[in-house]
Amino acid sequence: MTANVEVDPPTAPTSAPSSALTHLESADGRSFVARGPAGERPLPGDYLELEGEDGILAFVEEVAGEASGSGFAATGTLVHVGGGSGGSGRATDSPWHDVPVRPTRPDTVQRLLSGADPVLHLGHLAGQDSVGVALVPNRLNRHTFWCGQSGSGKTYALGVLLERILLTTRLPMVVFDPNSDFVRLHEQAVQADAADAEQAQALRDREVVVLRPDDEENPLRVRFTELTSRAKAAVLRLDPVIDRAEYNALLRLFGGDFQTVDAGQIVPYMRSLGDPDAEALAQRLENLGLTEWTRTWAFGATAVTEVIARRPAATVVDLGGYDRHEEQLTVALAVLDDLWARRAERRPLLIVVDEAHNLCPPDPETPLGVAVRDRLIQIAAEGRKYGLWLLLSTQRPSKVHPGIVSQCDNLTLMRMNSRDDLDQLASVFGFVPRGLLAQAARFRQGEALLAGGFVPMPSVVQVRGRITPQGGTDVPVPMP
């Protein structure tokens, strides 16, 4: 049973130090309880400064009223502020008794969250424009869950993260893009200042390949003959027991000389064999309309798996260019199966799945959907040790298979009104302070809660602007 999450107002800026009226106790030097009068009540996400202890801060996670109603009790974690390079760690194992604390200065929080390189910043702390929140690139080797309801700025913010990864790491990525939102990741937006222009040039120096079904220069294609047996059967809706004759024909025919048959001649070739099971298989191909998927099959073009295998900085797979969901699933399965087959190479890759509920819902309706979902579950469970790391983006956590969400160690949460969804996130992501999760219902557009190893501390952030243009935007209301 998950606990109910109470909604608190958004975190306000911490003020300059005032008279110390709040006192802190810590039995283990790691967690703390701070008590004080109601007028000094902090909010989840605030930092308190210990009097006389430079470099140690108290991060507030939960705040409750005292039984008397005249004060508050705040709980949280003691953290150590590094010397200018950002980062956090356990402050000390020594107990603290009756230590006066007060709201800390923004410059102290900046040392904790900002890091040494402003290019790493995903944005600034909500309410504190001077405090940047930095990406921790070497902790992207964990799966990441990215969610927010429609209109929260989720896709725009994801584009910001992808830009930061391209600028600050050499981690290649493949982006499954069902709505054509990232097809302009290789383009430059209008620049506002010299710093953005310099970063835009750095982005142009990275190889970003955008594959689209209708692009003659960079077409998005897969080879049916190179799909795994299970993938071929899923595309053909074949069950190994119910359709055992056709399934067996599939195993026998798609090998050896068949690999050299031109894709456009597959059906005539099967009929020429004089095999009744091959004839039945040819009929199935035609009945399902697979011979009409001319924008899916490679024929003589380069397959998407070959492009990804050479590891460009980013490969955007524009699934939104297909008319049929089955074509999207087929391309995704071809890519995921190929990555899994090559896993022993241990070549790092970030697999970004936007609108992840399209590829890994809890209960897919077709064999093809089941095959894609199961491969993603396998990558979520076992892929990390091979350098295959997932970044899953969706509007609601309940729309993604729980076996995948539970494997994620990083979380980005944008505005979320559903109490059930917030309860689910609180249950799955136990490392995220409940008090911060509760604020999500009141986030403004572009505000996000970032938590996990890829940021120094759990933080509510106003996401920075993008350098590249967003591919998809909302349709405006016609006005006179």
Protein backbone atom coordinates (compact mmCIF):
# COMPACT_ATOMS: atom_id res chain seq x y z
CA MET A 1 0.00 0.00 0.00
CA THR A 2 1.40 3.40 -0.93
CA ALA A 3 1.23 6.38 1.36
CA ASN A 4 -0.85 9.40 0.46
CA VAL A 5 1.19 12.41 -0.62
CA GLU A 6 0.13 15.76 0.81
CA VAL A 7 0.52 18.72 -1.53
CA ASP A 8 2.69 21.58 -0.26
CA PRO A 9 3.21 24.94 -1.99
CA PRO A 10 6.23 25.33 -4.31
CA THR A 11 9.60 25.90 -2.67
CA ALA A 12 10.26 29.57 -2.15
CA PRO A 13 13.73 31.16 -2.28
CA THR A 14 15.71 30.81 0.90
CA SER A 15 16.41 34.15 2.49
CA ALA A 16 19.59 35.69 3.83
CA PRO A 17 20.67 34.56 7.34
CA SER A 18 18.47 35.80 10.16
CA SER A 19 18.65 35.43 13.91
CA ALA A 20 19.03 31.76 14.90
CA LEU A 21 15.72 30.67 16.36
CA THR A 22 15.75 27.11 15.08
CA HIS A 23 17.85 24.31 16.61
CA LEU A 24 18.99 20.99 15.17
CA GLU A 25 19.55 17.56 16.68
CA SER A 26 21.29 14.61 14.99
CA ALA A 27 21.99 11.29 16.66
CA ASP A 28 24.02 9.80 13.79
CA GLY A 29 25.53 12.82 12.02
CA ARG A 30 23.61 11.96 8.87
CA SER A 31 19.90 12.64 9.44
CA PHE A 32 18.52 15.44 11.58
CA VAL A 33 15.48 16.92 13.26
CA ALA A 34 15.21 20.70 13.44
CA ARG A 35 12.62 22.42 15.61
CA GLY A 36 11.66 26.05 15.80
CA PRO A 37 8.85 28.61 15.88
CA ALA A 38 6.20 28.68 13.15
CA GLY A 39 7.55 31.97 11.81
CA GLU A 40 10.86 30.28 10.90
CA ARG A 41 9.26 27.25 9.21
CA PRO A 42 11.31 26.10 6.17
CA LEU A 43 9.94 24.27 3.14
CA PRO A 44 10.98 20.91 1.66
CA GLY A 45 13.99 21.57 -0.56
CA ASP A 46 15.37 24.39 1.61
CA TYR A 47 18.86 24.31 3.09
CA LEU A 48 19.72 25.28 6.67
CA GLU A 49 23.17 26.42 7.77
CA LEU A 50 24.67 25.12 11.01
CA GLU A 51 26.04 27.94 13.11
CA GLY A 52 29.84 27.80 13.32
CA GLU A 53 30.12 24.83 10.91
CA ASP A 54 31.18 26.06 7.47
CA GLY A 55 30.65 23.48 4.73
CA ILE A 56 27.87 21.47 6.41
CA LEU A 57 24.25 22.05 5.41
CA ALA A 58 20.97 20.55 6.53
CA PHE A 59 18.79 19.61 3.53
CA VAL A 60 15.11 19.78 4.50
CA GLU A 61 13.02 16.86 3.21
CA GLU A 62 9.87 16.85 5.36
CA VAL A 63 8.21 19.53 7.49
CA ALA A 64 5.42 18.98 10.00
CA GLY A 65 3.72 21.10 12.64
CA GLU A 66 4.39 20.47 16.32
CA ALA A 67 1.59 19.00 18.42
CA SER A 68 1.31 22.29 20.29
CA GLY A 69 0.65 24.13 17.03
CA SER A 70 3.20 26.80 17.94
CA GLY A 71 6.16 25.50 15.96
CA PHE A 72 7.46 23.02 13.41
CA ALA A 73 9.66 19.94 13.15
CA ALA A 74 11.74 19.51 9.99
CA THR A 75 13.63 16.34 9.07
CA GLY A 76 16.21 15.66 6.39
CA THR A 77 19.84 14.91 5.59
CA LEU A 78 23.12 16.54 6.57
CA VAL A 79 25.36 17.12 3.54
CA HIS A 80 28.91 18.30 3.03
CA VAL A 81 29.54 21.16 0.60
CA GLY A 82 32.61 20.52 -1.57
CA GLY A 83 35.21 23.18 -2.11
CA GLY A 84 33.84 24.90 -5.18
CA SER A 85 33.45 21.85 -7.40
CA GLY A 86 29.97 20.89 -6.29
CA GLY A 87 28.83 17.50 -5.13
CA SER A 88 27.64 16.23 -1.79
CA GLY A 89 28.49 13.58 0.71
CA ARG A 90 27.96 12.46 4.27
CA ALA A 91 28.78 15.35 6.55
CA THR A 92 30.07 13.47 9.59
CA ASP A 93 29.26 10.49 11.78
CA SER A 94 29.41 12.59 14.93
CA PRO A 95 26.17 13.48 16.73
CA TRP A 96 24.95 17.08 16.98
CA HIS A 97 22.98 18.49 19.90
CA ASP A 98 21.00 21.72 20.08
CA VAL A 99 22.90 23.38 17.21
CA PRO A 100 21.44 26.71 16.06
CA VAL A 101 20.57 26.74 12.34
CA ARG A 102 19.31 29.40 9.94
CA PRO A 103 18.47 29.65 6.21
CA THR A 104 21.68 29.48 4.24
CA ARG A 105 23.07 31.90 1.68
CA PRO A 106 22.56 31.24 -2.06
CA ASP A 107 26.32 31.20 -2.66
CA THR A 108 26.70 28.25 -0.29
CA VAL A 109 23.94 26.31 -2.06
CA GLN A 110 25.55 27.20 -5.37
CA ARG A 111 28.79 25.53 -4.27
CA LEU A 112 26.81 22.38 -3.57
CA LEU A 113 24.68 22.23 -6.73
CA SER A 114 26.38 24.20 -9.49
CA GLY A 115 29.66 22.44 -10.18
CA ALA A 116 32.63 24.12 -11.83
CA ASP A 117 31.35 24.21 -15.43
CA PRO A 118 28.20 26.25 -16.27
CA VAL A 119 27.77 24.20 -19.47
CA LEU A 120 26.72 21.32 -17.18
CA HIS A 121 23.76 23.27 -15.83
CA LEU A 122 20.32 21.87 -16.65
CA GLY A 123 18.77 25.04 -15.26
CA HIS A 124 18.64 27.04 -12.05
CA LEU A 125 17.12 26.31 -8.67
CA ALA A 126 13.47 27.37 -8.71
CA GLY A 127 13.22 30.82 -7.18
CA GLN A 128 17.01 31.34 -7.18
CA ASP A 129 18.28 32.42 -10.59
CA SER A 130 21.87 32.60 -9.33
CA VAL A 131 22.03 28.91 -8.31
CA GLY A 132 22.60 26.60 -11.25
CA VAL A 133 21.91 22.88 -10.90
CA ALA A 134 24.57 20.81 -12.63
CA LEU A 135 24.40 17.50 -14.45
CA VAL A 136 26.63 14.73 -13.05
CA PRO A 137 27.57 13.09 -16.38
CA ASN A 138 29.24 9.96 -15.04
CA ARG A 139 25.99 8.97 -13.30
CA LEU A 140 24.11 8.66 -16.56
CA ASN A 141 25.15 5.00 -16.41
CA ARG A 142 21.87 4.34 -14.64
CA HIS A 143 18.37 4.11 -16.11
CA THR A 144 16.38 7.36 -15.97
CA PHE A 145 12.63 7.91 -15.74
CA TRP A 146 11.33 11.23 -17.11
CA CYS A 147 7.66 12.12 -16.64
CA GLY A 148 5.21 14.99 -16.60
CA GLN A 149 1.66 15.55 -17.73
CA SER A 150 0.74 17.19 -21.02
CA GLY A 151 1.68 20.88 -21.05
CA SER A 152 4.33 20.58 -18.32
CA GLY A 153 7.24 21.17 -20.72
CA LYS A 154 8.41 17.55 -20.52
CA THR A 155 9.54 17.17 -24.15
CA TYR A 156 11.21 20.59 -24.25
CA ALA A 157 13.11 19.81 -21.05
CA LEU A 158 14.17 16.43 -22.41
CA GLY A 159 15.65 18.26 -25.41
CA VAL A 160 17.67 20.40 -23.00
CA LEU A 161 19.06 17.28 -21.34
CA LEU A 162 20.02 15.75 -24.70
CA GLU A 163 21.85 18.96 -25.63
CA ARG A 164 23.75 18.92 -22.33
CA ILE A 165 24.74 15.29 -22.89
CA LEU A 166 26.00 16.10 -26.39
CA LEU A 167 27.95 19.11 -25.10
CA THR A 168 29.49 17.63 -21.96
CA THR A 169 30.00 13.92 -22.69
CA ARG A 170 30.97 11.58 -25.46
CA LEU A 171 28.11 9.22 -24.65
CA PRO A 172 26.36 8.26 -27.92
CA MET A 173 22.60 8.01 -27.92
CA VAL A 174 19.75 6.66 -30.00
CA VAL A 175 16.43 8.51 -29.70
CA PHE A 176 13.14 6.76 -30.46
CA ASP A 177 11.06 9.77 -31.51
CA PRO A 178 7.36 8.89 -32.06
CA ASN A 179 6.15 12.47 -32.51
CA SER A 180 9.05 13.89 -34.55
CA ASP A 181 9.97 16.18 -31.63
CA PHE A 182 13.74 15.73 -31.91
CA VAL A 183 14.24 15.66 -35.67
CA ARG A 184 15.78 19.14 -35.50
CA LEU A 185 18.40 18.21 -32.92
CA HIS A 186 21.06 18.87 -35.55
CA GLU A 187 19.79 22.39 -36.31
CA GLN A 188 20.63 25.69 -34.64
CA ALA A 189 18.02 27.91 -33.06
CA VAL A 190 18.22 31.69 -32.93
CA GLN A 191 20.94 32.58 -30.43
CA ALA A 192 20.54 35.19 -27.72
CA ASP A 193 24.14 35.64 -26.59
CA ALA A 194 27.73 34.70 -27.31
CA ALA A 195 27.72 31.80 -24.83
CA ASP A 196 24.79 30.15 -26.61
CA ALA A 197 26.45 30.75 -29.99
CA GLU A 198 29.61 29.02 -28.77
CA GLN A 199 27.61 26.06 -27.50
CA ALA A 200 25.65 25.93 -30.75
CA GLN A 201 28.92 25.64 -32.65
CA ALA A 202 30.00 22.84 -30.32
CA LEU A 203 26.74 21.03 -31.05
CA ARG A 204 27.26 21.44 -34.80
CA ASP A 205 30.62 19.71 -34.41
CA ARG A 206 28.88 16.58 -33.06
CA GLU A 207 27.54 14.04 -35.54
CA VAL A 208 23.74 13.93 -35.23
CA VAL A 209 22.05 11.62 -37.74
CA VAL A 210 18.30 11.97 -38.24
CA LEU A 211 16.67 8.97 -39.97
CA ARG A 212 13.19 9.51 -41.42
CA PRO A 213 10.95 7.21 -43.50
CA ASP A 214 10.63 9.71 -46.35
CA ASP A 215 14.19 11.04 -46.33
CA GLU A 216 15.97 9.87 -49.49
CA GLU A 217 19.39 10.76 -48.11
CA ASN A 218 18.90 9.27 -44.62
CA PRO A 219 15.99 6.82 -44.86
CA LEU A 220 14.78 4.90 -41.83
CA ARG A 221 14.81 1.25 -42.85
CA VAL A 222 15.23 -2.28 -41.47
CA ARG A 223 15.91 -5.64 -43.16
CA PHE A 224 13.29 -8.33 -42.61
CA THR A 225 15.83 -11.07 -43.29
CA GLU A 226 18.06 -9.76 -40.46
CA LEU A 227 15.33 -9.78 -37.82
CA THR A 228 15.57 -12.48 -35.17
CA SER A 229 13.28 -15.50 -35.60
CA ARG A 230 11.10 -14.27 -32.75
CA ALA A 231 10.88 -10.80 -34.30
CA LYS A 232 9.91 -12.22 -37.71
CA ALA A 233 7.22 -14.36 -36.06
CA ALA A 234 5.94 -11.34 -34.12
CA VAL A 235 5.69 -9.26 -37.31
CA LEU A 236 3.83 -12.15 -39.00
CA ARG A 237 1.67 -12.80 -35.89
CA LEU A 238 2.81 -16.41 -35.78
CA ASP A 239 2.51 -18.57 -32.69
CA PRO A 240 5.10 -21.39 -32.53
CA VAL A 241 2.45 -23.89 -31.37
CA ILE A 242 -0.84 -22.74 -32.87
CA ASP A 243 0.79 -21.90 -36.23
CA ARG A 244 3.46 -24.58 -35.99
CA ALA A 245 3.58 -25.44 -39.72
CA GLU A 246 4.02 -21.86 -40.89
CA TYR A 247 6.37 -21.11 -37.99
CA ASN A 248 8.51 -24.09 -38.95
CA ALA A 249 8.52 -22.94 -42.56
CA LEU A 250 9.69 -19.55 -41.37
CA LEU A 251 12.63 -21.13 -39.55
CA ARG A 252 13.54 -23.30 -42.55
CA LEU A 253 13.17 -20.71 -45.30
CA PHE A 254 14.71 -17.61 -43.80
CA GLY A 255 18.28 -18.76 -43.87
CA GLY A 256 20.93 -19.86 -46.31
CA ASP A 257 20.16 -18.78 -49.90
CA PHE A 258 17.07 -16.87 -48.80
CA GLN A 259 19.29 -14.12 -47.34
CA THR A 260 20.26 -13.10 -50.88
CA VAL A 261 16.68 -12.78 -52.17
CA ASP A 262 15.63 -9.21 -52.93
CA ALA A 263 12.96 -8.02 -50.49
CA GLY A 264 10.56 -7.26 -53.32
CA GLN A 265 10.81 -10.86 -54.54
CA ILE A 266 10.20 -12.64 -51.23
CA VAL A 267 6.59 -13.62 -51.99
CA PRO A 268 7.26 -14.87 -55.57
CA TYR A 269 10.31 -16.77 -54.28
CA MET A 270 8.30 -18.58 -51.59
CA ARG A 271 5.59 -19.51 -54.10
CA SER A 272 8.19 -20.85 -56.51
CA LEU A 273 9.31 -23.46 -53.96
CA GLY A 274 6.19 -25.62 -54.37
CA ASP A 275 5.95 -25.97 -50.59
CA PRO A 276 2.39 -25.67 -49.18
CA ASP A 277 3.71 -24.19 -45.91
CA ALA A 278 5.76 -21.65 -47.85
CA GLU A 279 2.65 -20.81 -49.88
CA ALA A 280 0.69 -20.27 -46.64
CA LEU A 281 3.48 -18.03 -45.38
CA ALA A 282 3.39 -16.01 -48.61
CA GLN A 283 -0.35 -15.59 -48.24
CA ARG A 284 0.12 -14.36 -44.66
CA LEU A 285 2.65 -11.77 -45.83
CA GLU A 286 0.19 -10.46 -48.40
CA ASN A 287 -2.86 -10.61 -46.14
CA LEU A 288 -1.11 -8.58 -43.43
CA GLY A 289 -0.01 -6.01 -46.02
CA LEU A 290 3.68 -6.43 -45.18
CA THR A 291 4.59 -6.23 -48.85
CA GLU A 292 3.19 -2.68 -48.81
CA TRP A 293 5.60 -1.49 -46.12
CA THR A 294 7.85 0.08 -48.73
CA ARG A 295 9.00 2.77 -46.28
CA THR A 296 10.03 0.19 -43.70
CA TRP A 297 12.04 -2.47 -45.52
CA ALA A 298 15.60 -1.59 -46.53
CA PHE A 299 15.70 -3.15 -50.01
CA GLY A 300 19.10 -1.71 -51.08
CA ALA A 301 19.27 1.10 -48.51
CA THR A 302 21.41 1.20 -45.36
CA ALA A 303 19.61 -0.31 -42.36
CA VAL A 304 19.17 1.73 -39.18
CA THR A 305 21.09 -0.93 -37.24
CA GLU A 306 24.17 -0.30 -39.39
CA VAL A 307 24.03 3.43 -38.68
CA ILE A 308 23.73 2.94 -34.91
CA ALA A 309 26.51 0.34 -34.94
CA ARG A 310 29.06 2.97 -35.98
CA ARG A 311 27.95 5.11 -33.01
CA PRO A 312 27.24 8.69 -34.17
CA ALA A 313 26.92 11.15 -31.30
CA ALA A 314 23.14 10.87 -31.69
CA THR A 315 20.86 8.87 -33.96
CA VAL A 316 17.30 10.17 -34.05
CA VAL A 317 14.87 7.46 -35.20
CA ASP A 318 11.79 9.31 -36.46
CA LEU A 319 9.05 6.79 -35.75
CA GLY A 320 6.47 9.53 -36.18
CA GLY A 321 6.91 9.36 -39.94
CA TYR A 322 5.12 6.00 -40.17
CA ASP A 323 1.37 5.64 -40.66
CA ARG A 324 1.10 2.27 -38.92
CA HIS A 325 1.95 1.57 -35.29
CA GLU A 326 3.13 -1.89 -36.40
CA GLU A 327 5.86 -0.27 -38.50
CA GLN A 328 7.03 1.76 -35.51
CA LEU A 329 7.17 -1.37 -33.39
CA THR A 330 9.03 -3.32 -36.09
CA VAL A 331 11.75 -0.68 -36.41
CA ALA A 332 12.08 -0.36 -32.62
CA LEU A 333 12.32 -4.15 -32.22
CA ALA A 334 14.95 -4.44 -34.96
CA VAL A 335 17.10 -1.82 -33.20
CA LEU A 336 16.65 -3.20 -29.68
CA ASP A 337 17.30 -6.81 -30.76
CA ASP A 338 20.45 -5.76 -32.61
CA LEU A 339 21.75 -3.81 -29.60
CA TRP A 340 21.09 -6.80 -27.36
CA ALA A 341 22.81 -9.16 -29.78
CA ARG A 342 25.89 -6.89 -29.67
CA ARG A 343 25.82 -6.38 -25.90
CA ALA A 344 29.06 -8.30 -25.32
CA GLU A 345 30.88 -5.49 -27.14
CA ARG A 346 30.14 -3.36 -24.05
CA ARG A 347 29.95 -0.12 -26.04
CA PRO A 348 28.10 2.51 -23.99
CA LEU A 349 24.84 3.82 -25.45
CA LEU A 350 21.97 5.87 -24.06
CA ILE A 351 18.64 4.57 -25.38
CA VAL A 352 16.11 7.42 -25.22
CA VAL A 353 12.47 6.33 -25.55
CA ASP A 354 10.13 9.30 -25.81
CA GLU A 355 6.44 8.61 -25.12
CA ALA A 356 7.61 5.29 -23.70
CA HIS A 357 4.05 4.05 -23.18
CA ASN A 358 3.96 3.41 -26.95
CA LEU A 359 6.76 0.82 -26.74
CA CYS A 360 6.47 -0.63 -23.24
CA PRO A 361 2.90 -0.44 -21.88
CA PRO A 362 1.92 -2.85 -19.10
CA ASP A 363 -0.30 -4.96 -21.41
CA PRO A 364 0.54 -4.78 -25.14
CA GLU A 365 -2.22 -5.89 -27.48
CA THR A 366 -0.17 -7.64 -30.19
CA PRO A 367 2.70 -10.16 -30.35
CA LEU A 368 4.87 -7.41 -31.83
CA GLY A 369 4.10 -5.12 -28.90
CA VAL A 370 4.86 -7.92 -26.44
CA ALA A 371 8.23 -8.58 -28.12
CA VAL A 372 9.26 -4.91 -27.91
CA ARG A 373 8.13 -4.58 -24.30
CA ASP A 374 9.91 -7.78 -23.25
CA ARG A 375 13.18 -6.67 -24.84
CA LEU A 376 12.99 -3.34 -22.99
CA ILE A 377 12.31 -5.18 -19.74
CA GLN A 378 15.41 -7.30 -20.38
CA ILE A 379 17.55 -4.25 -21.12
CA ALA A 380 16.20 -2.53 -17.98
CA ALA A 381 17.06 -5.55 -15.85
CA GLU A 382 20.38 -6.60 -17.37
CA GLY A 383 21.57 -3.97 -19.84
CA ARG A 384 23.33 -1.67 -17.41
CA LYS A 385 26.37 -3.93 -17.02
CA TYR A 386 26.76 -3.96 -20.81
CA GLY A 387 26.58 -0.18 -21.19
CA LEU A 388 22.97 -0.08 -22.43
CA TRP A 389 21.22 2.63 -20.41
CA LEU A 390 17.58 3.63 -20.79
CA LEU A 391 16.00 7.07 -20.56
CA LEU A 392 12.22 6.65 -20.62
CA SER A 393 9.89 9.63 -21.02
CA THR A 394 6.12 9.49 -20.58
CA GLN A 395 3.11 11.44 -19.30
CA ARG A 396 2.11 8.97 -16.59
CA PRO A 397 4.14 6.30 -14.78
CA SER A 398 1.14 3.93 -14.71
CA LYS A 399 1.26 3.75 -18.53
CA VAL A 400 4.72 2.11 -18.51
CA HIS A 401 5.42 -1.47 -17.44
CA PRO A 402 6.33 -1.41 -13.71
CA GLY A 403 9.20 -3.85 -14.25
CA ILE A 404 10.97 -1.13 -16.25
CA VAL A 405 10.11 1.86 -14.04
CA SER A 406 11.36 0.03 -10.95
CA GLN A 407 14.82 -0.36 -12.51
CA CYS A 408 15.35 3.41 -12.86
CA ASP A 409 17.73 5.19 -10.48
CA ASN A 410 17.30 8.75 -11.82
CA LEU A 411 14.02 10.66 -11.84
CA THR A 412 12.81 13.84 -13.50
CA LEU A 413 9.28 14.81 -12.54
CA MET A 414 7.48 17.79 -14.04
CA ARG A 415 3.93 18.96 -13.26
CA MET A 416 1.77 16.01 -12.21
CA ASN A 417 -1.76 16.47 -10.87
CA SER A 418 -2.72 12.82 -10.41
CA ARG A 419 -2.47 11.80 -6.77
CA ASP A 420 -2.38 8.12 -7.79
CA ASP A 421 0.63 8.76 -10.02
CA LEU A 422 2.41 10.72 -7.28
CA ASP A 423 1.74 7.88 -4.83
CA GLN A 424 3.17 5.39 -7.32
CA LEU A 425 6.31 7.49 -7.82
CA ALA A 426 6.72 7.83 -4.05
CA SER A 427 6.52 4.05 -3.75
CA VAL A 428 8.99 3.28 -6.57
CA PHE A 429 11.48 6.09 -5.99
CA GLY A 430 12.02 5.83 -2.27
CA PHE A 431 15.13 8.01 -2.44
CA VAL A 432 13.08 11.07 -3.44
CA PRO A 433 11.84 13.21 -0.50
CA ARG A 434 8.05 12.98 -0.24
CA GLY A 435 7.84 16.69 0.49
CA LEU A 436 9.37 17.50 -2.89
CA LEU A 437 7.21 15.00 -4.76
CA ALA A 438 4.14 16.62 -3.26
CA GLN A 439 5.01 19.96 -4.87
CA ALA A 440 4.70 18.56 -8.41
CA ALA A 441 0.99 19.40 -8.65
CA ARG A 442 1.87 23.10 -8.45
CA PHE A 443 4.92 23.21 -10.69
CA ARG A 444 4.92 25.90 -13.35
CA GLN A 445 5.68 25.02 -16.94
CA GLY A 446 9.38 24.17 -17.23
CA GLU A 447 9.87 23.39 -13.54
CA ALA A 448 11.12 19.91 -12.74
CA LEU A 449 12.11 17.86 -9.73
CA LEU A 450 15.45 16.19 -10.47
CA ALA A 451 16.61 13.40 -8.17
CA GLY A 452 19.08 10.54 -8.33
CA GLY A 453 22.75 10.26 -9.07
CA PHE A 454 22.71 12.46 -12.17
CA VAL A 455 22.25 15.62 -10.06
CA PRO A 456 24.17 16.56 -6.87
CA MET A 457 21.04 16.71 -4.68
CA PRO A 458 17.27 16.42 -5.20
CA SER A 459 16.28 19.83 -6.55
CA VAL A 460 13.33 21.68 -8.05
CA VAL A 461 14.77 23.29 -11.15
CA GLN A 462 13.60 25.82 -13.72
CA VAL A 463 14.93 24.22 -16.90
CA ARG A 464 17.16 26.41 -19.06
CA GLY A 465 16.44 27.34 -22.67
CA ARG A 466 17.20 25.11 -25.63
CA ILE A 467 19.86 25.77 -28.25
CA THR A 468 18.33 23.58 -30.95
CA PRO A 469 14.70 24.09 -32.06
CA GLN A 470 11.98 21.72 -30.92
CA GLY A 471 10.59 19.62 -33.74
CA GLY A 472 6.97 19.50 -32.60
CA THR A 473 5.00 22.34 -31.01
CA ASP A 474 1.40 22.82 -29.88
CA VAL A 475 -1.13 23.96 -32.46
CA PRO A 476 -2.13 27.56 -31.56
CA VAL A 477 -5.73 28.66 -31.16
CA PRO A 478 -6.83 30.68 -34.22
CA MET A 479 -7.39 34.34 -33.34
CA PRO A 480 -9.10 37.16 -35.27
